Each structure stands twice: as C-alpha cells, then as structure tokens.
Full PDB file with SEQRES, HELIX, SHEET, SSBOND, CRYST1, ORIGX, SCALE, CONECT and MASTER records, all heavy atoms in Angstrom:
SEQRES   1 A   43  GLY LYS GLN ARG GLU LEU VAL ALA LEU ILE THR SER GLY          
SEQRES   2 A   43  GLY ILE THR ASN TYR ALA ASP SER VAL LYS GLY ARG PHE          
SEQRES   3 A   43  THR ILE SER ARG ASP ASN ALA LYS ASN THR ALA TYR LEU          
SEQRES   4 A   43  GLN MET ASN SER                                              
HELIX    1 AA1 ASN A   32  LYS A   34  5                                   3    
SHEET    1 AA1 2 ALA A   8  ILE A  10  0                                        
SHEET    2 AA1 2 THR A  16  TYR A  18 -1                                        
SHEET    1 AA2 2 PHE A  26  ASP A  31  0                                        
SHEET    2 AA2 2 THR A  36  MET A  41 -1                                        
CRYST1    1.000    1.000    1.000  90.00  90.00  90.00 P 1           1          
ORIGX1      1.000000  0.000000  0.000000        0.00000                         
ORIGX2      0.000000  1.000000  0.000000        0.00000                         
ORIGX3      0.000000  0.000000  1.000000        0.00000                         
SCALE1      1.000000  0.000000  0.000000        0.00000                         
SCALE2      0.000000  1.000000  0.000000        0.00000                         
SCALE3      0.000000  0.000000  1.000000        0.00000                         
ATOM      1  N   GLY A   1      38.162  31.563   2.612  1.00  0.00           N  
ATOM      2  CA  GLY A   1      39.177  30.801   1.917  1.00  0.00           C  
ATOM      3  C   GLY A   1      40.105  31.610   1.038  1.00  0.00           C  
ATOM      4  O   GLY A   1      40.939  31.038   0.334  1.00  0.00           O  
ATOM      5  N   LYS A   2      39.960  32.932   1.080  1.00  0.00           N  
ATOM      6  CA  LYS A   2      40.798  33.786   0.248  1.00  0.00           C  
ATOM      7  C   LYS A   2      41.585  34.766   1.104  1.00  0.00           C  
ATOM      8  O   LYS A   2      41.249  35.014   2.252  1.00  0.00           O  
ATOM      9  CB  LYS A   2      39.943  34.539  -0.767  1.00  0.00           C  
ATOM     10  CG  LYS A   2      39.257  33.652  -1.793  1.00  0.00           C  
ATOM     11  CD  LYS A   2      38.577  34.477  -2.862  1.00  0.00           C  
ATOM     12  CE  LYS A   2      37.964  33.592  -3.925  1.00  0.00           C  
ATOM     13  NZ  LYS A   2      37.318  34.398  -5.010  1.00  0.00           N  
ATOM     14  N   GLN A   3      42.631  35.318   0.514  1.00  0.00           N  
ATOM     15  CA  GLN A   3      43.427  36.310   1.215  1.00  0.00           C  
ATOM     16  C   GLN A   3      42.713  37.661   1.218  1.00  0.00           C  
ATOM     17  O   GLN A   3      41.911  37.963   0.337  1.00  0.00           O  
ATOM     18  CB  GLN A   3      44.801  36.456   0.538  1.00  0.00           C  
ATOM     19  CG  GLN A   3      45.716  35.257   0.737  1.00  0.00           C  
ATOM     20  CD  GLN A   3      47.112  35.516   0.203  1.00  0.00           C  
ATOM     21  OE1 GLN A   3      47.307  36.253  -0.745  1.00  0.00           O  
ATOM     22  NE2 GLN A   3      48.115  34.898   0.839  1.00  0.00           N  
ATOM     23  N   ARG A   4      43.056  38.447   2.218  1.00  0.00           N  
ATOM     24  CA  ARG A   4      42.508  39.798   2.279  1.00  0.00           C  
ATOM     25  C   ARG A   4      43.079  40.606   1.118  1.00  0.00           C  
ATOM     26  O   ARG A   4      44.276  40.527   0.818  1.00  0.00           O  
ATOM     27  CB  ARG A   4      42.851  40.457   3.612  1.00  0.00           C  
ATOM     28  CG  ARG A   4      42.122  41.763   3.876  1.00  0.00           C  
ATOM     29  CD  ARG A   4      42.381  42.274   5.275  1.00  0.00           C  
ATOM     30  NE  ARG A   4      41.885  41.336   6.288  1.00  0.00           N  
ATOM     31  CZ  ARG A   4      41.844  41.641   7.588  1.00  0.00           C  
ATOM     32  NH1 ARG A   4      42.261  42.839   8.018  1.00  0.00           N  
ATOM     33  NH2 ARG A   4      41.406  40.748   8.453  1.00  0.00           N  
ATOM     34  N   GLU A   5      42.225  41.398   0.475  1.00  0.00           N  
ATOM     35  CA  GLU A   5      42.664  42.187  -0.670  1.00  0.00           C  
ATOM     36  C   GLU A   5      42.208  43.633  -0.518  1.00  0.00           C  
ATOM     37  O   GLU A   5      41.165  43.925   0.084  1.00  0.00           O  
ATOM     38  CB  GLU A   5      42.105  41.603  -1.970  1.00  0.00           C  
ATOM     39  CG  GLU A   5      40.586  41.608  -2.068  1.00  0.00           C  
ATOM     40  CD  GLU A   5      40.068  41.142  -3.415  1.00  0.00           C  
ATOM     41  OE1 GLU A   5      40.882  40.907  -4.332  1.00  0.00           O  
ATOM     42  OE2 GLU A   5      38.828  41.045  -3.566  1.00  0.00           O  
ATOM     43  N   LEU A   6      42.998  44.513  -1.119  1.00  0.00           N  
ATOM     44  CA  LEU A   6      42.643  45.923  -1.128  1.00  0.00           C  
ATOM     45  C   LEU A   6      41.506  46.153  -2.118  1.00  0.00           C  
ATOM     46  O   LEU A   6      41.568  45.678  -3.257  1.00  0.00           O  
ATOM     47  CB  LEU A   6      43.850  46.768  -1.509  1.00  0.00           C  
ATOM     48  CG  LEU A   6      43.597  48.257  -1.696  1.00  0.00           C  
ATOM     49  CD1 LEU A   6      43.240  48.908  -0.371  1.00  0.00           C  
ATOM     50  CD2 LEU A   6      44.809  48.933  -2.322  1.00  0.00           C  
ATOM     51  N   VAL A   7      40.508  46.894  -1.688  1.00  0.00           N  
ATOM     52  CA  VAL A   7      39.391  47.232  -2.551  1.00  0.00           C  
ATOM     53  C   VAL A   7      39.545  48.660  -3.073  1.00  0.00           C  
ATOM     54  O   VAL A   7      39.446  48.912  -4.268  1.00  0.00           O  
ATOM     55  CB  VAL A   7      38.048  47.102  -1.802  1.00  0.00           C  
ATOM     56  CG1 VAL A   7      36.894  47.575  -2.668  1.00  0.00           C  
ATOM     57  CG2 VAL A   7      37.831  45.667  -1.343  1.00  0.00           C  
ATOM     58  N   ALA A   8      39.785  49.580  -2.164  1.00  0.00           N  
ATOM     59  CA  ALA A   8      39.910  50.988  -2.552  1.00  0.00           C  
ATOM     60  C   ALA A   8      40.608  51.747  -1.444  1.00  0.00           C  
ATOM     61  O   ALA A   8      40.533  51.364  -0.275  1.00  0.00           O  
ATOM     62  CB  ALA A   8      38.535  51.604  -2.812  1.00  0.00           C  
ATOM     63  N   LEU A   9      41.284  52.828  -1.814  1.00  0.00           N  
ATOM     64  CA  LEU A   9      41.885  53.691  -0.816  1.00  0.00           C  
ATOM     65  C   LEU A   9      41.797  55.139  -1.286  1.00  0.00           C  
ATOM     66  O   LEU A   9      41.640  55.418  -2.474  1.00  0.00           O  
ATOM     67  CB  LEU A   9      43.327  53.295  -0.519  1.00  0.00           C  
ATOM     68  CG  LEU A   9      44.364  53.344  -1.640  1.00  0.00           C  
ATOM     69  CD1 LEU A   9      44.923  54.745  -1.804  1.00  0.00           C  
ATOM     70  CD2 LEU A   9      45.509  52.386  -1.331  1.00  0.00           C  
ATOM     71  N   ILE A  10      41.903  56.037  -0.310  1.00  0.00           N  
ATOM     72  CA  ILE A  10      41.850  57.467  -0.603  1.00  0.00           C  
ATOM     73  C   ILE A  10      42.830  58.177   0.316  1.00  0.00           C  
ATOM     74  O   ILE A  10      42.896  57.914   1.512  1.00  0.00           O  
ATOM     75  CB  ILE A  10      40.414  58.012  -0.435  1.00  0.00           C  
ATOM     76  CG1 ILE A  10      40.342  59.479  -0.848  1.00  0.00           C  
ATOM     77  CG2 ILE A  10      39.892  57.790   0.980  1.00  0.00           C  
ATOM     78  CD1 ILE A  10      38.917  59.994  -1.003  1.00  0.00           C  
ATOM     79  N   THR A  11      43.610  59.079  -0.270  1.00  0.00           N  
ATOM     80  CA  THR A  11      44.580  59.829   0.506  1.00  0.00           C  
ATOM     81  C   THR A  11      43.924  61.060   1.141  1.00  0.00           C  
ATOM     82  O   THR A  11      42.784  61.401   0.823  1.00  0.00           O  
ATOM     83  CB  THR A  11      45.750  60.278  -0.362  1.00  0.00           C  
ATOM     84  OG1 THR A  11      45.266  61.282  -1.282  1.00  0.00           O  
ATOM     85  CG2 THR A  11      46.340  59.113  -1.141  1.00  0.00           C  
ATOM     86  N   SER A  12      44.667  61.723   1.993  1.00  0.00           N  
ATOM     87  CA  SER A  12      44.144  62.931   2.628  1.00  0.00           C  
ATOM     88  C   SER A  12      43.867  64.018   1.601  1.00  0.00           C  
ATOM     89  O   SER A  12      43.026  64.891   1.814  1.00  0.00           O  
ATOM     90  CB  SER A  12      45.116  63.440   3.687  1.00  0.00           C  
ATOM     91  OG  SER A  12      46.384  63.689   3.102  1.00  0.00           O  
ATOM     92  N   GLY A  13      44.556  63.929   0.475  1.00  0.00           N  
ATOM     93  CA  GLY A  13      44.344  64.902  -0.591  1.00  0.00           C  
ATOM     94  C   GLY A  13      43.270  64.514  -1.576  1.00  0.00           C  
ATOM     95  O   GLY A  13      43.002  65.250  -2.527  1.00  0.00           O  
ATOM     96  N   GLY A  14      42.661  63.359  -1.358  1.00  0.00           N  
ATOM     97  CA  GLY A  14      41.554  62.933  -2.215  1.00  0.00           C  
ATOM     98  C   GLY A  14      41.936  62.055  -3.393  1.00  0.00           C  
ATOM     99  O   GLY A  14      41.080  61.749  -4.234  1.00  0.00           O  
ATOM    100  N   ILE A  15      43.179  61.649  -3.468  1.00  0.00           N  
ATOM    101  CA  ILE A  15      43.593  60.746  -4.543  1.00  0.00           C  
ATOM    102  C   ILE A  15      43.077  59.346  -4.227  1.00  0.00           C  
ATOM    103  O   ILE A  15      43.219  58.868  -3.109  1.00  0.00           O  
ATOM    104  CB  ILE A  15      45.109  60.737  -4.699  1.00  0.00           C  
ATOM    105  CG1 ILE A  15      45.597  62.132  -5.105  1.00  0.00           C  
ATOM    106  CG2 ILE A  15      45.547  59.704  -5.737  1.00  0.00           C  
ATOM    107  CD1 ILE A  15      47.097  62.288  -5.101  1.00  0.00           C  
ATOM    108  N   THR A  16      42.471  58.708  -5.222  1.00  0.00           N  
ATOM    109  CA  THR A  16      41.865  57.401  -5.007  1.00  0.00           C  
ATOM    110  C   THR A  16      42.535  56.325  -5.849  1.00  0.00           C  
ATOM    111  O   THR A  16      43.153  56.603  -6.873  1.00  0.00           O  
ATOM    112  CB  THR A  16      40.363  57.434  -5.344  1.00  0.00           C  
ATOM    113  OG1 THR A  16      40.198  57.829  -6.710  1.00  0.00           O  
ATOM    114  CG2 THR A  16      39.621  58.412  -4.448  1.00  0.00           C  
ATOM    115  N   ASN A  17      42.370  55.100  -5.389  1.00  0.00           N  
ATOM    116  CA  ASN A  17      42.882  53.953  -6.119  1.00  0.00           C  
ATOM    117  C   ASN A  17      41.927  52.795  -5.877  1.00  0.00           C  
ATOM    118  O   ASN A  17      41.429  52.616  -4.757  1.00  0.00           O  
ATOM    119  CB  ASN A  17      44.294  53.586  -5.639  1.00  0.00           C  
ATOM    120  CG  ASN A  17      44.941  52.557  -6.537  1.00  0.00           C  
ATOM    121  OD1 ASN A  17      44.686  52.530  -7.736  1.00  0.00           O  
ATOM    122  ND2 ASN A  17      45.781  51.718  -5.960  1.00  0.00           N  
ATOM    123  N   TYR A  18      41.673  52.012  -6.915  1.00  0.00           N  
ATOM    124  CA  TYR A  18      40.701  50.927  -6.824  1.00  0.00           C  
ATOM    125  C   TYR A  18      41.268  49.626  -7.369  1.00  0.00           C  
ATOM    126  O   TYR A  18      42.080  49.623  -8.290  1.00  0.00           O  
ATOM    127  CB  TYR A  18      39.440  51.257  -7.630  1.00  0.00           C  
ATOM    128  CG  TYR A  18      38.672  52.455  -7.141  1.00  0.00           C  
ATOM    129  CD1 TYR A  18      38.914  53.723  -7.654  1.00  0.00           C  
ATOM    130  CD2 TYR A  18      37.687  52.319  -6.162  1.00  0.00           C  
ATOM    131  CE1 TYR A  18      38.218  54.829  -7.206  1.00  0.00           C  
ATOM    132  CE2 TYR A  18      36.970  53.419  -5.713  1.00  0.00           C  
ATOM    133  CZ  TYR A  18      37.240  54.673  -6.238  1.00  0.00           C  
ATOM    134  OH  TYR A  18      36.528  55.760  -5.783  1.00  0.00           O  
ATOM    135  N   ALA A  19      40.792  48.536  -6.816  1.00  0.00           N  
ATOM    136  CA  ALA A  19      41.082  47.239  -7.406  1.00  0.00           C  
ATOM    137  C   ALA A  19      40.376  47.163  -8.759  1.00  0.00           C  
ATOM    138  O   ALA A  19      39.279  47.723  -8.929  1.00  0.00           O  
ATOM    139  CB  ALA A  19      40.584  46.125  -6.491  1.00  0.00           C  
ATOM    140  N   ASP A  20      40.981  46.470  -9.705  1.00  0.00           N  
ATOM    141  CA  ASP A  20      40.384  46.369 -11.036  1.00  0.00           C  
ATOM    142  C   ASP A  20      38.976  45.778 -10.985  1.00  0.00           C  
ATOM    143  O   ASP A  20      38.113  46.145 -11.771  1.00  0.00           O  
ATOM    144  CB  ASP A  20      41.269  45.514 -11.943  1.00  0.00           C  
ATOM    145  CG  ASP A  20      42.555  46.228 -12.339  1.00  0.00           C  
ATOM    146  OD1 ASP A  20      42.609  47.471 -12.218  1.00  0.00           O  
ATOM    147  OD2 ASP A  20      43.494  45.544 -12.769  1.00  0.00           O  
ATOM    148  N   SER A  21      38.759  44.876 -10.053  1.00  0.00           N  
ATOM    149  CA  SER A  21      37.478  44.176  -9.984  1.00  0.00           C  
ATOM    150  C   SER A  21      36.311  45.072  -9.573  1.00  0.00           C  
ATOM    151  O   SER A  21      35.157  44.686  -9.757  1.00  0.00           O  
ATOM    152  CB  SER A  21      37.576  42.991  -9.014  1.00  0.00           C  
ATOM    153  OG  SER A  21      37.930  43.450  -7.717  1.00  0.00           O  
ATOM    154  N   VAL A  22      36.604  46.244  -9.012  1.00  0.00           N  
ATOM    155  CA  VAL A  22      35.519  47.120  -8.536  1.00  0.00           C  
ATOM    156  C   VAL A  22      35.486  48.455  -9.268  1.00  0.00           C  
ATOM    157  O   VAL A  22      34.584  49.269  -9.014  1.00  0.00           O  
ATOM    158  CB  VAL A  22      35.607  47.362  -7.011  1.00  0.00           C  
ATOM    159  CG1 VAL A  22      35.652  46.036  -6.264  1.00  0.00           C  
ATOM    160  CG2 VAL A  22      36.803  48.234  -6.658  1.00  0.00           C  
ATOM    161  N   LYS A  23      36.428  48.692 -10.144  1.00  0.00           N  
ATOM    162  CA  LYS A  23      36.458  49.970 -10.866  1.00  0.00           C  
ATOM    163  C   LYS A  23      35.156  50.176 -11.630  1.00  0.00           C  
ATOM    164  O   LYS A  23      34.666  49.272 -12.294  1.00  0.00           O  
ATOM    165  CB  LYS A  23      37.647  50.003 -11.830  1.00  0.00           C  
ATOM    166  CG  LYS A  23      38.978  50.276 -11.160  1.00  0.00           C  
ATOM    167  CD  LYS A  23      40.108  50.323 -12.181  1.00  0.00           C  
ATOM    168  CE  LYS A  23      41.444  50.593 -11.506  1.00  0.00           C  
ATOM    169  NZ  LYS A  23      42.569  50.567 -12.477  1.00  0.00           N  
ATOM    170  N   GLY A  24      34.616  51.386 -11.528  1.00  0.00           N  
ATOM    171  CA  GLY A  24      33.367  51.713 -12.201  1.00  0.00           C  
ATOM    172  C   GLY A  24      32.128  51.334 -11.412  1.00  0.00           C  
ATOM    173  O   GLY A  24      31.017  51.737 -11.783  1.00  0.00           O  
ATOM    174  N   ARG A  25      32.297  50.560 -10.346  1.00  0.00           N  
ATOM    175  CA  ARG A  25      31.143  50.138  -9.542  1.00  0.00           C  
ATOM    176  C   ARG A  25      31.194  50.700  -8.118  1.00  0.00           C  
ATOM    177  O   ARG A  25      30.162  51.012  -7.536  1.00  0.00           O  
ATOM    178  CB  ARG A  25      31.067  48.615  -9.465  1.00  0.00           C  
ATOM    179  CG  ARG A  25      30.934  47.929 -10.816  1.00  0.00           C  
ATOM    180  CD  ARG A  25      30.670  46.429 -10.655  1.00  0.00           C  
ATOM    181  NE  ARG A  25      31.760  45.727  -9.995  1.00  0.00           N  
ATOM    182  CZ  ARG A  25      31.630  45.022  -8.882  1.00  0.00           C  
ATOM    183  NH1 ARG A  25      30.450  44.918  -8.291  1.00  0.00           N  
ATOM    184  NH2 ARG A  25      32.678  44.404  -8.362  1.00  0.00           N  
ATOM    185  N   PHE A  26      32.392  50.796  -7.569  1.00  0.00           N  
ATOM    186  CA  PHE A  26      32.573  51.275  -6.194  1.00  0.00           C  
ATOM    187  C   PHE A  26      33.184  52.672  -6.207  1.00  0.00           C  
ATOM    188  O   PHE A  26      33.995  52.992  -7.079  1.00  0.00           O  
ATOM    189  CB  PHE A  26      33.502  50.355  -5.415  1.00  0.00           C  
ATOM    190  CG  PHE A  26      32.953  48.995  -5.104  1.00  0.00           C  
ATOM    191  CD1 PHE A  26      31.781  48.519  -5.673  1.00  0.00           C  
ATOM    192  CD2 PHE A  26      33.635  48.157  -4.218  1.00  0.00           C  
ATOM    193  CE1 PHE A  26      31.287  47.255  -5.393  1.00  0.00           C  
ATOM    194  CE2 PHE A  26      33.159  46.899  -3.916  1.00  0.00           C  
ATOM    195  CZ  PHE A  26      31.985  46.442  -4.512  1.00  0.00           C  
ATOM    196  N   THR A  27      32.813  53.465  -5.210  1.00  0.00           N  
ATOM    197  CA  THR A  27      33.372  54.797  -5.060  1.00  0.00           C  
ATOM    198  C   THR A  27      33.742  55.026  -3.598  1.00  0.00           C  
ATOM    199  O   THR A  27      32.897  54.869  -2.714  1.00  0.00           O  
ATOM    200  CB  THR A  27      32.383  55.879  -5.501  1.00  0.00           C  
ATOM    201  OG1 THR A  27      32.008  55.666  -6.863  1.00  0.00           O  
ATOM    202  CG2 THR A  27      33.007  57.260  -5.370  1.00  0.00           C  
ATOM    203  N   ILE A  28      34.993  55.387  -3.374  1.00  0.00           N  
ATOM    204  CA  ILE A  28      35.439  55.700  -2.021  1.00  0.00           C  
ATOM    205  C   ILE A  28      35.473  57.210  -1.852  1.00  0.00           C  
ATOM    206  O   ILE A  28      35.808  57.947  -2.796  1.00  0.00           O  
ATOM    207  CB  ILE A  28      36.824  55.079  -1.730  1.00  0.00           C  
ATOM    208  CG1 ILE A  28      37.185  55.233  -0.245  1.00  0.00           C  
ATOM    209  CG2 ILE A  28      37.907  55.666  -2.630  1.00  0.00           C  
ATOM    210  CD1 ILE A  28      38.426  54.439   0.168  1.00  0.00           C  
ATOM    211  N   SER A  29      35.103  57.666  -0.670  1.00  0.00           N  
ATOM    212  CA  SER A  29      35.146  59.095  -0.366  1.00  0.00           C  
ATOM    213  C   SER A  29      35.452  59.260   1.116  1.00  0.00           C  
ATOM    214  O   SER A  29      35.429  58.280   1.876  1.00  0.00           O  
ATOM    215  CB  SER A  29      33.811  59.760  -0.720  1.00  0.00           C  
ATOM    216  OG  SER A  29      32.748  59.196   0.026  1.00  0.00           O  
ATOM    217  N   ARG A  30      35.758  60.465   1.511  1.00  0.00           N  
ATOM    218  CA  ARG A  30      36.046  60.704   2.927  1.00  0.00           C  
ATOM    219  C   ARG A  30      35.631  62.118   3.304  1.00  0.00           C  
ATOM    220  O   ARG A  30      35.656  63.028   2.475  1.00  0.00           O  
ATOM    221  CB  ARG A  30      37.514  60.456   3.254  1.00  0.00           C  
ATOM    222  CG  ARG A  30      38.491  61.383   2.581  1.00  0.00           C  
ATOM    223  CD  ARG A  30      39.920  60.927   2.787  1.00  0.00           C  
ATOM    224  NE  ARG A  30      40.430  61.225   4.116  1.00  0.00           N  
ATOM    225  CZ  ARG A  30      41.643  60.908   4.548  1.00  0.00           C  
ATOM    226  NH1 ARG A  30      42.465  60.245   3.752  1.00  0.00           N  
ATOM    227  NH2 ARG A  30      42.049  61.225   5.772  1.00  0.00           N  
ATOM    228  N   ASP A  31      35.285  62.257   4.563  1.00  0.00           N  
ATOM    229  CA  ASP A  31      34.977  63.557   5.155  1.00  0.00           C  
ATOM    230  C   ASP A  31      36.032  63.792   6.221  1.00  0.00           C  
ATOM    231  O   ASP A  31      35.964  63.213   7.314  1.00  0.00           O  
ATOM    232  CB  ASP A  31      33.569  63.528   5.761  1.00  0.00           C  
ATOM    233  CG  ASP A  31      33.137  64.885   6.305  1.00  0.00           C  
ATOM    234  OD1 ASP A  31      34.015  65.670   6.706  1.00  0.00           O  
ATOM    235  OD2 ASP A  31      31.933  65.141   6.326  1.00  0.00           O  
ATOM    236  N   ASN A  32      37.036  64.583   5.895  1.00  0.00           N  
ATOM    237  CA  ASN A  32      38.154  64.777   6.807  1.00  0.00           C  
ATOM    238  C   ASN A  32      37.708  65.425   8.115  1.00  0.00           C  
ATOM    239  O   ASN A  32      38.263  65.130   9.183  1.00  0.00           O  
ATOM    240  CB  ASN A  32      39.236  65.621   6.142  1.00  0.00           C  
ATOM    241  CG  ASN A  32      39.930  64.870   5.021  1.00  0.00           C  
ATOM    242  OD1 ASN A  32      40.038  63.646   5.045  1.00  0.00           O  
ATOM    243  ND2 ASN A  32      40.402  65.597   4.022  1.00  0.00           N  
ATOM    244  N   ALA A  33      36.726  66.297   8.049  1.00  0.00           N  
ATOM    245  CA  ALA A  33      36.248  66.970   9.265  1.00  0.00           C  
ATOM    246  C   ALA A  33      35.610  65.981  10.230  1.00  0.00           C  
ATOM    247  O   ALA A  33      35.652  66.169  11.449  1.00  0.00           O  
ATOM    248  CB  ALA A  33      35.261  68.064   8.902  1.00  0.00           C  
ATOM    249  N   LYS A  34      35.007  64.934   9.682  1.00  0.00           N  
ATOM    250  CA  LYS A  34      34.352  63.917  10.515  1.00  0.00           C  
ATOM    251  C   LYS A  34      35.215  62.678  10.706  1.00  0.00           C  
ATOM    252  O   LYS A  34      34.780  61.720  11.345  1.00  0.00           O  
ATOM    253  CB  LYS A  34      33.015  63.514   9.886  1.00  0.00           C  
ATOM    254  CG  LYS A  34      31.990  64.632   9.828  1.00  0.00           C  
ATOM    255  CD  LYS A  34      30.685  64.125   9.221  1.00  0.00           C  
ATOM    256  CE  LYS A  34      29.627  65.228   9.195  1.00  0.00           C  
ATOM    257  NZ  LYS A  34      28.357  64.752   8.591  1.00  0.00           N  
ATOM    258  N   ASN A  35      36.414  62.681  10.119  1.00  0.00           N  
ATOM    259  CA  ASN A  35      37.294  61.506  10.203  1.00  0.00           C  
ATOM    260  C   ASN A  35      36.545  60.231   9.806  1.00  0.00           C  
ATOM    261  O   ASN A  35      36.633  59.198  10.480  1.00  0.00           O  
ATOM    262  CB  ASN A  35      37.864  61.363  11.610  1.00  0.00           C  
ATOM    263  CG  ASN A  35      38.808  62.502  11.960  1.00  0.00           C  
ATOM    264  OD1 ASN A  35      39.762  62.764  11.242  1.00  0.00           O  
ATOM    265  ND2 ASN A  35      38.520  63.191  13.051  1.00  0.00           N  
ATOM    266  N   THR A  36      35.817  60.326   8.732  1.00  0.00           N  
ATOM    267  CA  THR A  36      34.980  59.226   8.263  1.00  0.00           C  
ATOM    268  C   THR A  36      35.232  58.961   6.791  1.00  0.00           C  
ATOM    269  O   THR A  36      35.386  59.899   6.002  1.00  0.00           O  
ATOM    270  CB  THR A  36      33.492  59.545   8.485  1.00  0.00           C  
ATOM    271  OG1 THR A  36      33.258  59.761   9.881  1.00  0.00           O  
ATOM    272  CG2 THR A  36      32.606  58.401   8.012  1.00  0.00           C  
ATOM    273  N   ALA A  37      35.282  57.688   6.454  1.00  0.00           N  
ATOM    274  CA  ALA A  37      35.408  57.273   5.062  1.00  0.00           C  
ATOM    275  C   ALA A  37      34.168  56.477   4.669  1.00  0.00           C  
ATOM    276  O   ALA A  37      33.523  55.853   5.521  1.00  0.00           O  
ATOM    277  CB  ALA A  37      36.659  56.427   4.864  1.00  0.00           C  
ATOM    278  N   TYR A  38      33.861  56.514   3.391  1.00  0.00           N  
ATOM    279  CA  TYR A  38      32.681  55.829   2.879  1.00  0.00           C  
ATOM    280  C   TYR A  38      33.065  54.980   1.676  1.00  0.00           C  
ATOM    281  O   TYR A  38      34.007  55.298   0.952  1.00  0.00           O  
ATOM    282  CB  TYR A  38      31.619  56.841   2.456  1.00  0.00           C  
ATOM    283  CG  TYR A  38      31.256  57.835   3.522  1.00  0.00           C  
ATOM    284  CD1 TYR A  38      31.894  59.077   3.580  1.00  0.00           C  
ATOM    285  CD2 TYR A  38      30.299  57.534   4.482  1.00  0.00           C  
ATOM    286  CE1 TYR A  38      31.570  60.003   4.571  1.00  0.00           C  
ATOM    287  CE2 TYR A  38      29.973  58.448   5.477  1.00  0.00           C  
ATOM    288  CZ  TYR A  38      30.604  59.674   5.509  1.00  0.00           C  
ATOM    289  OH  TYR A  38      30.288  60.581   6.491  1.00  0.00           O  
ATOM    290  N   LEU A  39      32.311  53.924   1.468  1.00  0.00           N  
ATOM    291  CA  LEU A  39      32.474  53.111   0.264  1.00  0.00           C  
ATOM    292  C   LEU A  39      31.079  52.885  -0.314  1.00  0.00           C  
ATOM    293  O   LEU A  39      30.286  52.133   0.261  1.00  0.00           O  
ATOM    294  CB  LEU A  39      33.156  51.781   0.563  1.00  0.00           C  
ATOM    295  CG  LEU A  39      33.470  50.929  -0.661  1.00  0.00           C  
ATOM    296  CD1 LEU A  39      34.553  51.604  -1.518  1.00  0.00           C  
ATOM    297  CD2 LEU A  39      33.928  49.524  -0.256  1.00  0.00           C  
ATOM    298  N   GLN A  40      30.798  53.547  -1.406  1.00  0.00           N  
ATOM    299  CA  GLN A  40      29.537  53.346  -2.111  1.00  0.00           C  
ATOM    300  C   GLN A  40      29.723  52.203  -3.087  1.00  0.00           C  
ATOM    301  O   GLN A  40      30.588  52.264  -3.963  1.00  0.00           O  
ATOM    302  CB  GLN A  40      29.122  54.612  -2.859  1.00  0.00           C  
ATOM    303  CG  GLN A  40      27.847  54.473  -3.653  1.00  0.00           C  
ATOM    304  CD  GLN A  40      26.625  54.256  -2.783  1.00  0.00           C  
ATOM    305  OE1 GLN A  40      26.467  54.914  -1.753  1.00  0.00           O  
ATOM    306  NE2 GLN A  40      25.762  53.333  -3.182  1.00  0.00           N  
ATOM    307  N   MET A  41      28.928  51.158  -2.932  1.00  0.00           N  
ATOM    308  CA  MET A  41      29.061  49.967  -3.757  1.00  0.00           C  
ATOM    309  C   MET A  41      27.790  49.791  -4.587  1.00  0.00           C  
ATOM    310  O   MET A  41      26.708  49.587  -4.023  1.00  0.00           O  
ATOM    311  CB  MET A  41      29.291  48.736  -2.872  1.00  0.00           C  
ATOM    312  CG  MET A  41      30.482  48.877  -1.942  1.00  0.00           C  
ATOM    313  SD  MET A  41      30.849  47.382  -1.005  1.00  0.00           S  
ATOM    314  CE  MET A  41      29.391  47.280   0.021  1.00  0.00           C  
ATOM    315  N   ASN A  42      27.945  49.889  -5.884  1.00  0.00           N  
ATOM    316  CA  ASN A  42      26.821  49.728  -6.809  1.00  0.00           C  
ATOM    317  C   ASN A  42      27.026  48.495  -7.687  1.00  0.00           C  
ATOM    318  O   ASN A  42      28.140  47.968  -7.771  1.00  0.00           O  
ATOM    319  CB  ASN A  42      26.674  50.966  -7.687  1.00  0.00           C  
ATOM    320  CG  ASN A  42      26.387  52.230  -6.906  1.00  0.00           C  
ATOM    321  OD1 ASN A  42      25.731  52.193  -5.854  1.00  0.00           O  
ATOM    322  ND2 ASN A  42      26.888  53.344  -7.392  1.00  0.00           N  
ATOM    323  N   SER A  43      25.964  48.059  -8.317  1.00  0.00           N  
ATOM    324  CA  SER A  43      26.024  46.897  -9.220  1.00  0.00           C  
ATOM    325  C   SER A  43      26.730  45.729  -8.554  1.00  0.00           C  
ATOM    326  O   SER A  43      27.630  45.108  -9.144  1.00  0.00           O  
ATOM    327  CB  SER A  43      26.733  47.284 -10.527  1.00  0.00           C  
ATOM    328  OG  SER A  43      26.075  48.357 -11.163  1.00  0.00           O  
TER     329      SER A  43                                                      
MASTER        0    0    0    1    4    0    0    6  328    1    0    4          
END                                                                             
C-alpha cells in the first residue's frame, strides 16, 4: 500500500546516502570486483 522508496545507495567511488529512517541502522557496501552490493540491516 505504499510507494517504493530509496533506502540506500552507493556510488562507484564509495559515496553513500541513506534514507533518514534507516540512518545508523543500515549499512550499504559494494565489492566492485564482484559486481555485488550488500545491505547490512541491524536493529
């Protein structure tokens, strides 16, 4: 029942941005060699 929202993003240079609702709880990372991104979600 809700619109899709951005949670987190990471640039190729490692710059990150987070939605206010997840700041301090979620961490985005990426492994460029593996073309893989991760989202660690705590709390």
